[in-house]
mmCIF file of all heavy atoms, coordinates in Angstrom:
data_MODEL
# 
_entry.id   MODEL 
# 
loop_
_atom_site.group_PDB 
_atom_site.id 
_atom_site.type_symbol 
_atom_site.label_atom_id 
_atom_site.label_alt_id 
_atom_site.label_comp_id 
_atom_site.label_asym_id 
_atom_site.label_entity_id 
_atom_site.label_seq_id 
_atom_site.pdbx_PDB_ins_code 
_atom_site.Cartn_x 
_atom_site.Cartn_y 
_atom_site.Cartn_z 
_atom_site.occupancy 
_atom_site.B_iso_or_equiv 
_atom_site.pdbx_formal_charge 
_atom_site.auth_seq_id 
_atom_site.auth_comp_id 
_atom_site.auth_asym_id 
_atom_site.auth_atom_id 
_atom_site.pdbx_PDB_model_num 
ATOM 1   N N   . GLU A 1 1  ? -1.433 -1.583  -8.932  1.00 0.00 ? 1  GLU A N   1 
ATOM 2   C CA  . GLU A 1 1  ? -1.829 -2.625  -8.039  1.00 0.00 ? 1  GLU A CA  1 
ATOM 3   C C   . GLU A 1 1  ? -0.587 -3.171  -7.280  1.00 0.00 ? 1  GLU A C   1 
ATOM 4   O O   . GLU A 1 1  ? 0.387  -3.463  -7.959  1.00 0.00 ? 1  GLU A O   1 
ATOM 5   C CB  . GLU A 1 1  ? -2.497 -3.726  -8.882  1.00 0.00 ? 1  GLU A CB  1 
ATOM 6   C CG  . GLU A 1 1  ? -2.982 -4.951  -8.071  1.00 0.00 ? 1  GLU A CG  1 
ATOM 7   C CD  . GLU A 1 1  ? -3.518 -6.027  -9.083  1.00 0.00 ? 1  GLU A CD  1 
ATOM 8   O OE1 . GLU A 1 1  ? -3.192 -6.067  -10.221 1.00 0.00 ? 1  GLU A OE1 1 
ATOM 9   O OE2 . GLU A 1 1  ? -4.299 -6.864  -8.611  1.00 0.00 ? 1  GLU A OE2 1 
ATOM 10  N N   . PHE A 1 2  ? -0.581 -3.315  -5.998  1.00 0.00 ? 2  PHE A N   1 
ATOM 11  C CA  . PHE A 1 2  ? 0.523  -3.630  -5.216  1.00 0.00 ? 2  PHE A CA  1 
ATOM 12  C C   . PHE A 1 2  ? 0.171  -4.509  -3.958  1.00 0.00 ? 2  PHE A C   1 
ATOM 13  O O   . PHE A 1 2  ? -0.934 -4.489  -3.537  1.00 0.00 ? 2  PHE A O   1 
ATOM 14  C CB  . PHE A 1 2  ? 1.363  -2.440  -4.883  1.00 0.00 ? 2  PHE A CB  1 
ATOM 15  C CG  . PHE A 1 2  ? 0.723  -1.562  -3.815  1.00 0.00 ? 2  PHE A CG  1 
ATOM 16  C CD1 . PHE A 1 2  ? 1.006  -1.724  -2.506  1.00 0.00 ? 2  PHE A CD1 1 
ATOM 17  C CD2 . PHE A 1 2  ? -0.175 -0.569  -4.246  1.00 0.00 ? 2  PHE A CD2 1 
ATOM 18  C CE1 . PHE A 1 2  ? 0.348  -0.913  -1.551  1.00 0.00 ? 2  PHE A CE1 1 
ATOM 19  C CE2 . PHE A 1 2  ? -0.810 0.256   -3.317  1.00 0.00 ? 2  PHE A CE2 1 
ATOM 20  C CZ  . PHE A 1 2  ? -0.490 0.057   -1.990  1.00 0.00 ? 2  PHE A CZ  1 
ATOM 21  N N   . LYS A 1 3  ? 1.272  -5.101  -3.441  1.00 0.00 ? 3  LYS A N   1 
ATOM 22  C CA  . LYS A 1 3  ? 1.187  -5.665  -2.204  1.00 0.00 ? 3  LYS A CA  1 
ATOM 23  C C   . LYS A 1 3  ? 2.341  -5.043  -1.263  1.00 0.00 ? 3  LYS A C   1 
ATOM 24  O O   . LYS A 1 3  ? 3.512  -4.955  -1.747  1.00 0.00 ? 3  LYS A O   1 
ATOM 25  C CB  . LYS A 1 3  ? 1.411  -7.179  -2.220  1.00 0.00 ? 3  LYS A CB  1 
ATOM 26  C CG  . LYS A 1 3  ? 0.241  -7.946  -2.740  1.00 0.00 ? 3  LYS A CG  1 
ATOM 27  C CD  . LYS A 1 3  ? 0.457  -9.433  -2.733  1.00 0.00 ? 3  LYS A CD  1 
ATOM 28  C CE  . LYS A 1 3  ? -0.717 -10.159 -3.390  1.00 0.00 ? 3  LYS A CE  1 
ATOM 29  N NZ  . LYS A 1 3  ? -0.349 -11.686 -3.422  1.00 0.00 ? 3  LYS A NZ  1 
ATOM 30  N N   . ALA A 1 4  ? 2.005  -4.678  -0.077  1.00 0.00 ? 4  ALA A N   1 
ATOM 31  C CA  . ALA A 1 4  ? 2.984  -4.162  0.846   1.00 0.00 ? 4  ALA A CA  1 
ATOM 32  C C   . ALA A 1 4  ? 3.069  -5.204  1.999   1.00 0.00 ? 4  ALA A C   1 
ATOM 33  O O   . ALA A 1 4  ? 2.034  -5.551  2.592   1.00 0.00 ? 4  ALA A O   1 
ATOM 34  C CB  . ALA A 1 4  ? 2.614  -2.830  1.403   1.00 0.00 ? 4  ALA A CB  1 
ATOM 35  N N   . TYR A 1 5  ? 4.250  -5.652  2.333   1.00 0.00 ? 5  TYR A N   1 
ATOM 36  C CA  . TYR A 1 5  ? 4.356  -6.700  3.357   1.00 0.00 ? 5  TYR A CA  1 
ATOM 37  C C   . TYR A 1 5  ? 5.021  -6.067  4.523   1.00 0.00 ? 5  TYR A C   1 
ATOM 38  O O   . TYR A 1 5  ? 5.904  -5.111  4.429   1.00 0.00 ? 5  TYR A O   1 
ATOM 39  C CB  . TYR A 1 5  ? 5.427  -7.769  2.784   1.00 0.00 ? 5  TYR A CB  1 
ATOM 40  C CG  . TYR A 1 5  ? 4.879  -8.508  1.593   1.00 0.00 ? 5  TYR A CG  1 
ATOM 41  C CD1 . TYR A 1 5  ? 5.161  -8.089  0.325   1.00 0.00 ? 5  TYR A CD1 1 
ATOM 42  C CD2 . TYR A 1 5  ? 4.119  -9.623  1.751   1.00 0.00 ? 5  TYR A CD2 1 
ATOM 43  C CE1 . TYR A 1 5  ? 4.720  -8.682  -0.824  1.00 0.00 ? 5  TYR A CE1 1 
ATOM 44  C CE2 . TYR A 1 5  ? 3.635  -10.321 0.623   1.00 0.00 ? 5  TYR A CE2 1 
ATOM 45  C CZ  . TYR A 1 5  ? 3.920  -9.855  -0.605  1.00 0.00 ? 5  TYR A CZ  1 
ATOM 46  O OH  . TYR A 1 5  ? 3.431  -10.510 -1.702  1.00 0.00 ? 5  TYR A OH  1 
ATOM 47  N N   . PHE A 1 6  ? 4.471  -6.364  5.707   1.00 0.00 ? 6  PHE A N   1 
ATOM 48  C CA  . PHE A 1 6  ? 4.942  -5.738  6.936   1.00 0.00 ? 6  PHE A CA  1 
ATOM 49  C C   . PHE A 1 6  ? 4.709  -6.636  8.107   1.00 0.00 ? 6  PHE A C   1 
ATOM 50  O O   . PHE A 1 6  ? 3.911  -7.572  7.998   1.00 0.00 ? 6  PHE A O   1 
ATOM 51  C CB  . PHE A 1 6  ? 4.260  -4.316  7.156   1.00 0.00 ? 6  PHE A CB  1 
ATOM 52  C CG  . PHE A 1 6  ? 2.734  -4.447  7.300   1.00 0.00 ? 6  PHE A CG  1 
ATOM 53  C CD1 . PHE A 1 6  ? 2.161  -4.465  8.637   1.00 0.00 ? 6  PHE A CD1 1 
ATOM 54  C CD2 . PHE A 1 6  ? 1.904  -4.365  6.181   1.00 0.00 ? 6  PHE A CD2 1 
ATOM 55  C CE1 . PHE A 1 6  ? 0.835  -4.522  8.743   1.00 0.00 ? 6  PHE A CE1 1 
ATOM 56  C CE2 . PHE A 1 6  ? 0.499  -4.396  6.333   1.00 0.00 ? 6  PHE A CE2 1 
ATOM 57  C CZ  . PHE A 1 6  ? -0.005 -4.496  7.554   1.00 0.00 ? 6  PHE A CZ  1 
ATOM 58  N N   . LEU A 1 7  ? 5.394  -6.348  9.252   1.00 0.00 ? 7  LEU A N   1 
ATOM 59  C CA  . LEU A 1 7  ? 5.179  -6.955  10.521  1.00 0.00 ? 7  LEU A CA  1 
ATOM 60  C C   . LEU A 1 7  ? 4.283  -6.085  11.305  1.00 0.00 ? 7  LEU A C   1 
ATOM 61  O O   . LEU A 1 7  ? 4.658  -4.918  11.495  1.00 0.00 ? 7  LEU A O   1 
ATOM 62  C CB  . LEU A 1 7  ? 6.454  -7.288  11.246  1.00 0.00 ? 7  LEU A CB  1 
ATOM 63  C CG  . LEU A 1 7  ? 7.445  -8.276  10.471  1.00 0.00 ? 7  LEU A CG  1 
ATOM 64  C CD1 . LEU A 1 7  ? 8.733  -8.439  11.347  1.00 0.00 ? 7  LEU A CD1 1 
ATOM 65  C CD2 . LEU A 1 7  ? 6.830  -9.551  10.164  1.00 0.00 ? 7  LEU A CD2 1 
ATOM 66  N N   . ASP A 1 8  ? 3.186  -6.553  11.855  1.00 0.00 ? 8  ASP A N   1 
ATOM 67  C CA  . ASP A 1 8  ? 2.320  -5.714  12.667  1.00 0.00 ? 8  ASP A CA  1 
ATOM 68  C C   . ASP A 1 8  ? 2.906  -5.510  14.107  1.00 0.00 ? 8  ASP A C   1 
ATOM 69  O O   . ASP A 1 8  ? 4.034  -5.930  14.323  1.00 0.00 ? 8  ASP A O   1 
ATOM 70  C CB  . ASP A 1 8  ? 0.918  -6.293  12.659  1.00 0.00 ? 8  ASP A CB  1 
ATOM 71  C CG  . ASP A 1 8  ? 0.768  -7.565  13.370  1.00 0.00 ? 8  ASP A CG  1 
ATOM 72  O OD1 . ASP A 1 8  ? 1.688  -7.977  14.172  1.00 0.00 ? 8  ASP A OD1 1 
ATOM 73  O OD2 . ASP A 1 8  ? -0.324 -8.297  13.262  1.00 0.00 ? 8  ASP A OD2 1 
ATOM 74  N N   . SER A 1 9  ? 2.172  -4.853  14.938  1.00 0.00 ? 9  SER A N   1 
ATOM 75  C CA  . SER A 1 9  ? 2.635  -4.459  16.276  1.00 0.00 ? 9  SER A CA  1 
ATOM 76  C C   . SER A 1 9  ? 2.958  -5.663  17.150  1.00 0.00 ? 9  SER A C   1 
ATOM 77  O O   . SER A 1 9  ? 3.645  -5.637  18.124  1.00 0.00 ? 9  SER A O   1 
ATOM 78  C CB  . SER A 1 9  ? 1.683  -3.508  17.008  1.00 0.00 ? 9  SER A CB  1 
ATOM 79  O OG  . SER A 1 9  ? 0.447  -4.140  17.058  1.00 0.00 ? 9  SER A OG  1 
ATOM 80  N N   . ASN A 1 10 ? 2.447  -6.836  16.670  1.00 0.00 ? 10 ASN A N   1 
ATOM 81  C CA  . ASN A 1 10 ? 2.704  -8.064  17.405  1.00 0.00 ? 10 ASN A CA  1 
ATOM 82  C C   . ASN A 1 10 ? 3.736  -8.934  16.730  1.00 0.00 ? 10 ASN A C   1 
ATOM 83  O O   . ASN A 1 10 ? 3.932  -10.086 17.022  1.00 0.00 ? 10 ASN A O   1 
ATOM 84  C CB  . ASN A 1 10 ? 1.356  -8.949  17.578  1.00 0.00 ? 10 ASN A CB  1 
ATOM 85  C CG  . ASN A 1 10 ? 0.359  -8.285  18.410  1.00 0.00 ? 10 ASN A CG  1 
ATOM 86  O OD1 . ASN A 1 10 ? 0.673  -7.724  19.451  1.00 0.00 ? 10 ASN A OD1 1 
ATOM 87  N ND2 . ASN A 1 10 ? -0.928 -8.185  17.961  1.00 0.00 ? 10 ASN A ND2 1 
ATOM 88  N N   . ASN A 1 11 ? 4.462  -8.277  15.747  1.00 0.00 ? 11 ASN A N   1 
ATOM 89  C CA  . ASN A 1 11 ? 5.481  -8.953  14.940  1.00 0.00 ? 11 ASN A CA  1 
ATOM 90  C C   . ASN A 1 11 ? 4.907  -10.051 14.082  1.00 0.00 ? 11 ASN A C   1 
ATOM 91  O O   . ASN A 1 11 ? 5.668  -11.050 13.728  1.00 0.00 ? 11 ASN A O   1 
ATOM 92  C CB  . ASN A 1 11 ? 6.635  -9.444  15.827  1.00 0.00 ? 11 ASN A CB  1 
ATOM 93  C CG  . ASN A 1 11 ? 7.849  -8.598  15.671  1.00 0.00 ? 11 ASN A CG  1 
ATOM 94  O OD1 . ASN A 1 11 ? 7.763  -7.560  14.907  1.00 0.00 ? 11 ASN A OD1 1 
ATOM 95  N ND2 . ASN A 1 11 ? 8.861  -8.964  16.392  1.00 0.00 ? 11 ASN A ND2 1 
ATOM 96  N N   . GLN A 1 12 ? 3.655  -10.025 13.729  1.00 0.00 ? 12 GLN A N   1 
ATOM 97  C CA  . GLN A 1 12 ? 2.967  -10.970 12.870  1.00 0.00 ? 12 GLN A CA  1 
ATOM 98  C C   . GLN A 1 12 ? 3.055  -10.446 11.503  1.00 0.00 ? 12 GLN A C   1 
ATOM 99  O O   . GLN A 1 12 ? 2.796  -9.380  11.145  1.00 0.00 ? 12 GLN A O   1 
ATOM 100 C CB  . GLN A 1 12 ? 1.563  -11.213 13.311  1.00 0.00 ? 12 GLN A CB  1 
ATOM 101 C CG  . GLN A 1 12 ? 1.423  -11.835 14.691  1.00 0.00 ? 12 GLN A CG  1 
ATOM 102 C CD  . GLN A 1 12 ? 2.091  -13.167 14.828  1.00 0.00 ? 12 GLN A CD  1 
ATOM 103 O OE1 . GLN A 1 12 ? 1.929  -14.092 13.970  1.00 0.00 ? 12 GLN A OE1 1 
ATOM 104 N NE2 . GLN A 1 12 ? 3.030  -13.223 15.751  1.00 0.00 ? 12 GLN A NE2 1 
ATOM 105 N N   . PRO A 1 13 ? 3.473  -11.421 10.462  1.00 0.00 ? 13 PRO A N   1 
ATOM 106 C CA  . PRO A 1 13 ? 3.566  -10.975 9.052   1.00 0.00 ? 13 PRO A CA  1 
ATOM 107 C C   . PRO A 1 13 ? 2.150  -10.672 8.558   1.00 0.00 ? 13 PRO A C   1 
ATOM 108 O O   . PRO A 1 13 ? 1.226  -11.341 8.769   1.00 0.00 ? 13 PRO A O   1 
ATOM 109 C CB  . PRO A 1 13 ? 4.122  -12.127 8.334   1.00 0.00 ? 13 PRO A CB  1 
ATOM 110 C CG  . PRO A 1 13 ? 4.292  -13.218 9.344   1.00 0.00 ? 13 PRO A CG  1 
ATOM 111 C CD  . PRO A 1 13 ? 3.887  -12.791 10.723  1.00 0.00 ? 13 PRO A CD  1 
ATOM 112 N N   . GLN A 1 14 ? 2.006  -9.564  7.817   1.00 0.00 ? 14 GLN A N   1 
ATOM 113 C CA  . GLN A 1 14 ? 0.836  -9.084  7.215   1.00 0.00 ? 14 GLN A CA  1 
ATOM 114 C C   . GLN A 1 14 ? 1.072  -8.731  5.753   1.00 0.00 ? 14 GLN A C   1 
ATOM 115 O O   . GLN A 1 14 ? 2.170  -8.304  5.401   1.00 0.00 ? 14 GLN A O   1 
ATOM 116 C CB  . GLN A 1 14 ? 0.274  -7.868  7.990   1.00 0.00 ? 14 GLN A CB  1 
ATOM 117 C CG  . GLN A 1 14 ? -0.015 -8.140  9.448   1.00 0.00 ? 14 GLN A CG  1 
ATOM 118 C CD  . GLN A 1 14 ? -1.111 -9.048  9.712   1.00 0.00 ? 14 GLN A CD  1 
ATOM 119 O OE1 . GLN A 1 14 ? -2.072 -9.275  8.891   1.00 0.00 ? 14 GLN A OE1 1 
ATOM 120 N NE2 . GLN A 1 14 ? -1.088 -9.810  10.784  1.00 0.00 ? 14 GLN A NE2 1 
ATOM 121 N N   . THR A 1 15 ? 0.030  -8.801  5.007   1.00 0.00 ? 15 THR A N   1 
ATOM 122 C CA  . THR A 1 15 ? 0.127  -8.307  3.623   1.00 0.00 ? 15 THR A CA  1 
ATOM 123 C C   . THR A 1 15 ? -0.952 -7.300  3.290   1.00 0.00 ? 15 THR A C   1 
ATOM 124 O O   . THR A 1 15 ? -2.176 -7.642  3.617   1.00 0.00 ? 15 THR A O   1 
ATOM 125 C CB  . THR A 1 15 ? 0.018  -9.447  2.560   1.00 0.00 ? 15 THR A CB  1 
ATOM 126 O OG1 . THR A 1 15 ? 1.087  -10.345 2.930   1.00 0.00 ? 15 THR A OG1 1 
ATOM 127 C CG2 . THR A 1 15 ? 0.092  -8.921  1.168   1.00 0.00 ? 15 THR A CG2 1 
ATOM 128 N N   . HIS A 1 16 ? -0.737 -6.104  2.835   1.00 0.00 ? 16 HIS A N   1 
ATOM 129 C CA  . HIS A 1 16 ? -1.643 -5.110  2.474   1.00 0.00 ? 16 HIS A CA  1 
ATOM 130 C C   . HIS A 1 16 ? -1.800 -5.171  0.903   1.00 0.00 ? 16 HIS A C   1 
ATOM 131 O O   . HIS A 1 16 ? -0.823 -4.756  0.266   1.00 0.00 ? 16 HIS A O   1 
ATOM 132 C CB  . HIS A 1 16 ? -1.313 -3.758  2.988   1.00 0.00 ? 16 HIS A CB  1 
ATOM 133 C CG  . HIS A 1 16 ? -2.138 -2.641  2.449   1.00 0.00 ? 16 HIS A CG  1 
ATOM 134 N ND1 . HIS A 1 16 ? -3.312 -2.311  2.999   1.00 0.00 ? 16 HIS A ND1 1 
ATOM 135 C CD2 . HIS A 1 16 ? -1.998 -1.820  1.364   1.00 0.00 ? 16 HIS A CD2 1 
ATOM 136 C CE1 . HIS A 1 16 ? -3.871 -1.374  2.365   1.00 0.00 ? 16 HIS A CE1 1 
ATOM 137 N NE2 . HIS A 1 16 ? -3.132 -1.034  1.372   1.00 0.00 ? 16 HIS A NE2 1 
ATOM 138 N N   . TYR A 1 17 ? -2.973 -5.565  0.395   1.00 0.00 ? 17 TYR A N   1 
ATOM 139 C CA  . TYR A 1 17 ? -3.195 -5.499  -1.018  1.00 0.00 ? 17 TYR A CA  1 
ATOM 140 C C   . TYR A 1 17 ? -4.026 -4.350  -1.316  1.00 0.00 ? 17 TYR A C   1 
ATOM 141 O O   . TYR A 1 17 ? -4.956 -3.930  -0.646  1.00 0.00 ? 17 TYR A O   1 
ATOM 142 C CB  . TYR A 1 17 ? -3.967 -6.795  -1.522  1.00 0.00 ? 17 TYR A CB  1 
ATOM 143 C CG  . TYR A 1 17 ? -4.442 -6.582  -2.884  1.00 0.00 ? 17 TYR A CG  1 
ATOM 144 C CD1 . TYR A 1 17 ? -3.697 -6.870  -4.027  1.00 0.00 ? 17 TYR A CD1 1 
ATOM 145 C CD2 . TYR A 1 17 ? -5.710 -6.069  -3.107  1.00 0.00 ? 17 TYR A CD2 1 
ATOM 146 C CE1 . TYR A 1 17 ? -4.158 -6.741  -5.312  1.00 0.00 ? 17 TYR A CE1 1 
ATOM 147 C CE2 . TYR A 1 17 ? -6.194 -5.876  -4.439  1.00 0.00 ? 17 TYR A CE2 1 
ATOM 148 C CZ  . TYR A 1 17 ? -5.396 -6.156  -5.485  1.00 0.00 ? 17 TYR A CZ  1 
ATOM 149 O OH  . TYR A 1 17 ? -5.891 -5.988  -6.762  1.00 0.00 ? 17 TYR A OH  1 
ATOM 150 N N   . GLU A 1 18 ? -3.612 -3.664  -2.511  1.00 0.00 ? 18 GLU A N   1 
ATOM 151 C CA  . GLU A 1 18 ? -4.411 -2.402  -2.874  1.00 0.00 ? 18 GLU A CA  1 
ATOM 152 C C   . GLU A 1 18 ? -4.297 -2.270  -4.299  1.00 0.00 ? 18 GLU A C   1 
ATOM 153 O O   . GLU A 1 18 ? -3.209 -2.459  -4.961  1.00 0.00 ? 18 GLU A O   1 
ATOM 154 C CB  . GLU A 1 18 ? -3.843 -1.156  -2.126  1.00 0.00 ? 18 GLU A CB  1 
ATOM 155 C CG  . GLU A 1 18 ? -4.667 0.015   -2.408  1.00 0.00 ? 18 GLU A CG  1 
ATOM 156 C CD  . GLU A 1 18 ? -4.322 1.232   -1.507  1.00 0.00 ? 18 GLU A CD  1 
ATOM 157 O OE1 . GLU A 1 18 ? -3.712 0.967   -0.384  1.00 0.00 ? 18 GLU A OE1 1 
ATOM 158 O OE2 . GLU A 1 18 ? -4.606 2.386   -1.894  1.00 0.00 ? 18 GLU A OE2 1 
ATOM 159 N N   . PHE A 1 19 ? -5.441 -1.797  -4.941  1.00 0.00 ? 19 PHE A N   1 
ATOM 160 C CA  . PHE A 1 19 ? -5.435 -1.398  -6.323  1.00 0.00 ? 19 PHE A CA  1 
ATOM 161 C C   . PHE A 1 19 ? -5.719 0.159   -6.172  1.00 0.00 ? 19 PHE A C   1 
ATOM 162 O O   . PHE A 1 19 ? -6.851 0.533   -5.872  1.00 0.00 ? 19 PHE A O   1 
ATOM 163 C CB  . PHE A 1 19 ? -6.612 -2.037  -7.051  1.00 0.00 ? 19 PHE A CB  1 
ATOM 164 C CG  . PHE A 1 19 ? -6.624 -1.672  -8.519  1.00 0.00 ? 19 PHE A CG  1 
ATOM 165 C CD1 . PHE A 1 19 ? -5.851 -2.328  -9.405  1.00 0.00 ? 19 PHE A CD1 1 
ATOM 166 C CD2 . PHE A 1 19 ? -7.352 -0.674  -8.958  1.00 0.00 ? 19 PHE A CD2 1 
ATOM 167 C CE1 . PHE A 1 19 ? -5.881 -1.937  -10.815 1.00 0.00 ? 19 PHE A CE1 1 
ATOM 168 C CE2 . PHE A 1 19 ? -7.430 -0.256  -10.310 1.00 0.00 ? 19 PHE A CE2 1 
ATOM 169 C CZ  . PHE A 1 19 ? -6.682 -0.903  -11.247 1.00 0.00 ? 19 PHE A CZ  1 
ATOM 170 N N   . SER A 1 20 ? -4.791 0.996   -6.389  1.00 0.00 ? 20 SER A N   1 
ATOM 171 C CA  . SER A 1 20 ? -4.855 2.392   -6.176  1.00 0.00 ? 20 SER A CA  1 
ATOM 172 C C   . SER A 1 20 ? -5.025 3.163   -7.509  1.00 0.00 ? 20 SER A C   1 
ATOM 173 O O   . SER A 1 20 ? -4.494 2.826   -8.501  1.00 0.00 ? 20 SER A O   1 
ATOM 174 C CB  . SER A 1 20 ? -3.556 2.958   -5.581  1.00 0.00 ? 20 SER A CB  1 
ATOM 175 O OG  . SER A 1 20 ? -3.298 2.301   -4.368  1.00 0.00 ? 20 SER A OG  1 
ATOM 176 N N   . THR A 1 21 ? -5.731 4.245   -7.305  1.00 0.00 ? 21 THR A N   1 
ATOM 177 C CA  . THR A 1 21 ? -5.978 5.226   -8.423  1.00 0.00 ? 21 THR A CA  1 
ATOM 178 C C   . THR A 1 21 ? -5.373 6.561   -8.102  1.00 0.00 ? 21 THR A C   1 
ATOM 179 O O   . THR A 1 21 ? -5.428 7.077   -6.958  1.00 0.00 ? 21 THR A O   1 
ATOM 180 C CB  . THR A 1 21 ? -7.472 5.411   -8.653  1.00 0.00 ? 21 THR A CB  1 
ATOM 181 O OG1 . THR A 1 21 ? -8.101 4.121   -8.872  1.00 0.00 ? 21 THR A OG1 1 
ATOM 182 C CG2 . THR A 1 21 ? -7.717 6.287   -9.909  1.00 0.00 ? 21 THR A CG2 1 
ATOM 183 N N   . PHE A 1 22 ? -4.671 7.152   -9.147  1.00 0.00 ? 22 PHE A N   1 
ATOM 184 C CA  . PHE A 1 22 ? -3.980 8.421   -8.937  1.00 0.00 ? 22 PHE A CA  1 
ATOM 185 C C   . PHE A 1 22 ? -4.503 9.380   -9.970  1.00 0.00 ? 22 PHE A C   1 
ATOM 186 O O   . PHE A 1 22 ? -4.972 9.104   -10.979 1.00 0.00 ? 22 PHE A O   1 
ATOM 187 C CB  . PHE A 1 22 ? -2.429 8.138   -9.055  1.00 0.00 ? 22 PHE A CB  1 
ATOM 188 C CG  . PHE A 1 22 ? -1.910 7.280   -8.120  1.00 0.00 ? 22 PHE A CG  1 
ATOM 189 C CD1 . PHE A 1 22 ? -1.928 5.893   -8.301  1.00 0.00 ? 22 PHE A CD1 1 
ATOM 190 C CD2 . PHE A 1 22 ? -1.354 7.713   -6.962  1.00 0.00 ? 22 PHE A CD2 1 
ATOM 191 C CE1 . PHE A 1 22 ? -1.475 4.975   -7.276  1.00 0.00 ? 22 PHE A CE1 1 
ATOM 192 C CE2 . PHE A 1 22 ? -0.835 6.918   -5.952  1.00 0.00 ? 22 PHE A CE2 1 
ATOM 193 C CZ  . PHE A 1 22 ? -0.920 5.532   -6.132  1.00 0.00 ? 22 PHE A CZ  1 
ATOM 194 N N   . LYS A 1 23 ? -4.263 10.707  -9.615  1.00 0.00 ? 23 LYS A N   1 
ATOM 195 C CA  . LYS A 1 23 ? -4.765 11.774  -10.521 1.00 0.00 ? 23 LYS A CA  1 
ATOM 196 C C   . LYS A 1 23 ? -3.652 12.804  -10.729 1.00 0.00 ? 23 LYS A C   1 
ATOM 197 O O   . LYS A 1 23 ? -2.933 13.194  -9.715  1.00 0.00 ? 23 LYS A O   1 
ATOM 198 C CB  . LYS A 1 23 ? -5.936 12.477  -9.886  1.00 0.00 ? 23 LYS A CB  1 
ATOM 199 C CG  . LYS A 1 23 ? -6.542 13.583  -10.760 1.00 0.00 ? 23 LYS A CG  1 
ATOM 200 C CD  . LYS A 1 23 ? -7.828 14.129  -10.111 1.00 0.00 ? 23 LYS A CD  1 
ATOM 201 C CE  . LYS A 1 23 ? -8.472 15.101  -11.109 1.00 0.00 ? 23 LYS A CE  1 
ATOM 202 N NZ  . LYS A 1 23 ? -9.696 15.488  -10.613 1.00 0.00 ? 23 LYS A NZ  1 
ATOM 203 N N   . LEU A 1 24 ? -3.409 13.190  -11.969 1.00 0.00 ? 24 LEU A N   1 
ATOM 204 C CA  . LEU A 1 24 ? -2.432 14.171  -12.293 1.00 0.00 ? 24 LEU A CA  1 
ATOM 205 C C   . LEU A 1 24 ? -3.166 15.592  -12.400 1.00 0.00 ? 24 LEU A C   1 
ATOM 206 O O   . LEU A 1 24 ? -4.168 15.704  -13.108 1.00 0.00 ? 24 LEU A O   1 
ATOM 207 C CB  . LEU A 1 24 ? -1.817 13.903  -13.591 1.00 0.00 ? 24 LEU A CB  1 
ATOM 208 C CG  . LEU A 1 24 ? -0.763 14.912  -14.112 1.00 0.00 ? 24 LEU A CG  1 
ATOM 209 C CD1 . LEU A 1 24 ? 0.498  14.952  -13.172 1.00 0.00 ? 24 LEU A CD1 1 
ATOM 210 C CD2 . LEU A 1 24 ? -0.278 14.563  -15.509 1.00 0.00 ? 24 LEU A CD2 1 
ATOM 211 N N   . GLU A 1 25 ? -2.719 16.511  -11.551 1.00 0.00 ? 25 GLU A N   1 
ATOM 212 C CA  . GLU A 1 25 ? -3.389 17.749  -11.436 1.00 0.00 ? 25 GLU A CA  1 
ATOM 213 C C   . GLU A 1 25 ? -2.359 18.888  -11.171 1.00 0.00 ? 25 GLU A C   1 
ATOM 214 O O   . GLU A 1 25 ? -1.511 18.698  -10.352 1.00 0.00 ? 25 GLU A O   1 
ATOM 215 C CB  . GLU A 1 25 ? -4.422 17.793  -10.267 1.00 0.00 ? 25 GLU A CB  1 
ATOM 216 C CG  . GLU A 1 25 ? -5.285 18.968  -10.317 1.00 0.00 ? 25 GLU A CG  1 
ATOM 217 C CD  . GLU A 1 25 ? -6.387 18.719  -9.299  1.00 0.00 ? 25 GLU A CD  1 
ATOM 218 O OE1 . GLU A 1 25 ? -7.464 18.142  -9.625  1.00 0.00 ? 25 GLU A OE1 1 
ATOM 219 O OE2 . GLU A 1 25 ? -6.219 19.153  -8.058  1.00 0.00 ? 25 GLU A OE2 1 
ATOM 220 N N   . ASN A 1 26 ? -2.283 19.900  -12.109 1.00 0.00 ? 26 ASN A N   1 
ATOM 221 C CA  . ASN A 1 26 ? -1.306 20.972  -11.944 1.00 0.00 ? 26 ASN A CA  1 
ATOM 222 C C   . ASN A 1 26 ? 0.217  20.391  -11.960 1.00 0.00 ? 26 ASN A C   1 
ATOM 223 O O   . ASN A 1 26 ? 0.964  20.809  -11.123 1.00 0.00 ? 26 ASN A O   1 
ATOM 224 C CB  . ASN A 1 26 ? -1.510 21.872  -10.686 1.00 0.00 ? 26 ASN A CB  1 
ATOM 225 C CG  . ASN A 1 26 ? -2.860 22.492  -10.800 1.00 0.00 ? 26 ASN A CG  1 
ATOM 226 O OD1 . ASN A 1 26 ? -3.377 22.870  -11.844 1.00 0.00 ? 26 ASN A OD1 1 
ATOM 227 N ND2 . ASN A 1 26 ? -3.548 22.604  -9.621  1.00 0.00 ? 26 ASN A ND2 1 
ATOM 228 N N   . ASP A 1 27 ? 0.445  19.463  -12.805 1.00 0.00 ? 27 ASP A N   1 
ATOM 229 C CA  . ASP A 1 27 ? 1.776  18.838  -13.002 1.00 0.00 ? 27 ASP A CA  1 
ATOM 230 C C   . ASP A 1 27 ? 2.187  18.084  -11.838 1.00 0.00 ? 27 ASP A C   1 
ATOM 231 O O   . ASP A 1 27 ? 3.412  17.891  -11.564 1.00 0.00 ? 27 ASP A O   1 
ATOM 232 C CB  . ASP A 1 27 ? 2.843  19.884  -13.430 1.00 0.00 ? 27 ASP A CB  1 
ATOM 233 C CG  . ASP A 1 27 ? 2.516  20.487  -14.764 1.00 0.00 ? 27 ASP A CG  1 
ATOM 234 O OD1 . ASP A 1 27 ? 2.072  19.642  -15.715 1.00 0.00 ? 27 ASP A OD1 1 
ATOM 235 O OD2 . ASP A 1 27 ? 2.780  21.679  -14.984 1.00 0.00 ? 27 ASP A OD2 1 
ATOM 236 N N   . ALA A 1 28 ? 1.238  17.635  -10.903 1.00 0.00 ? 28 ALA A N   1 
ATOM 237 C CA  . ALA A 1 28 ? 1.638  16.868  -9.773  1.00 0.00 ? 28 ALA A CA  1 
ATOM 238 C C   . ALA A 1 28 ? 0.677  15.714  -9.622  1.00 0.00 ? 28 ALA A C   1 
ATOM 239 O O   . ALA A 1 28 ? -0.529 15.812  -9.876  1.00 0.00 ? 28 ALA A O   1 
ATOM 240 C CB  . ALA A 1 28 ? 1.589  17.694  -8.514  1.00 0.00 ? 28 ALA A CB  1 
# 
C-alpha cells in the first residue's frame, strides 16, 4: 500500500494512492 506524489502536466500536486497485489512466479 503506497502513495506516489507527483506534479501533473499543469504542475499541480497530485497523489496516487494504491493497494497493489503482486505474484511470485518462476522466481520472479
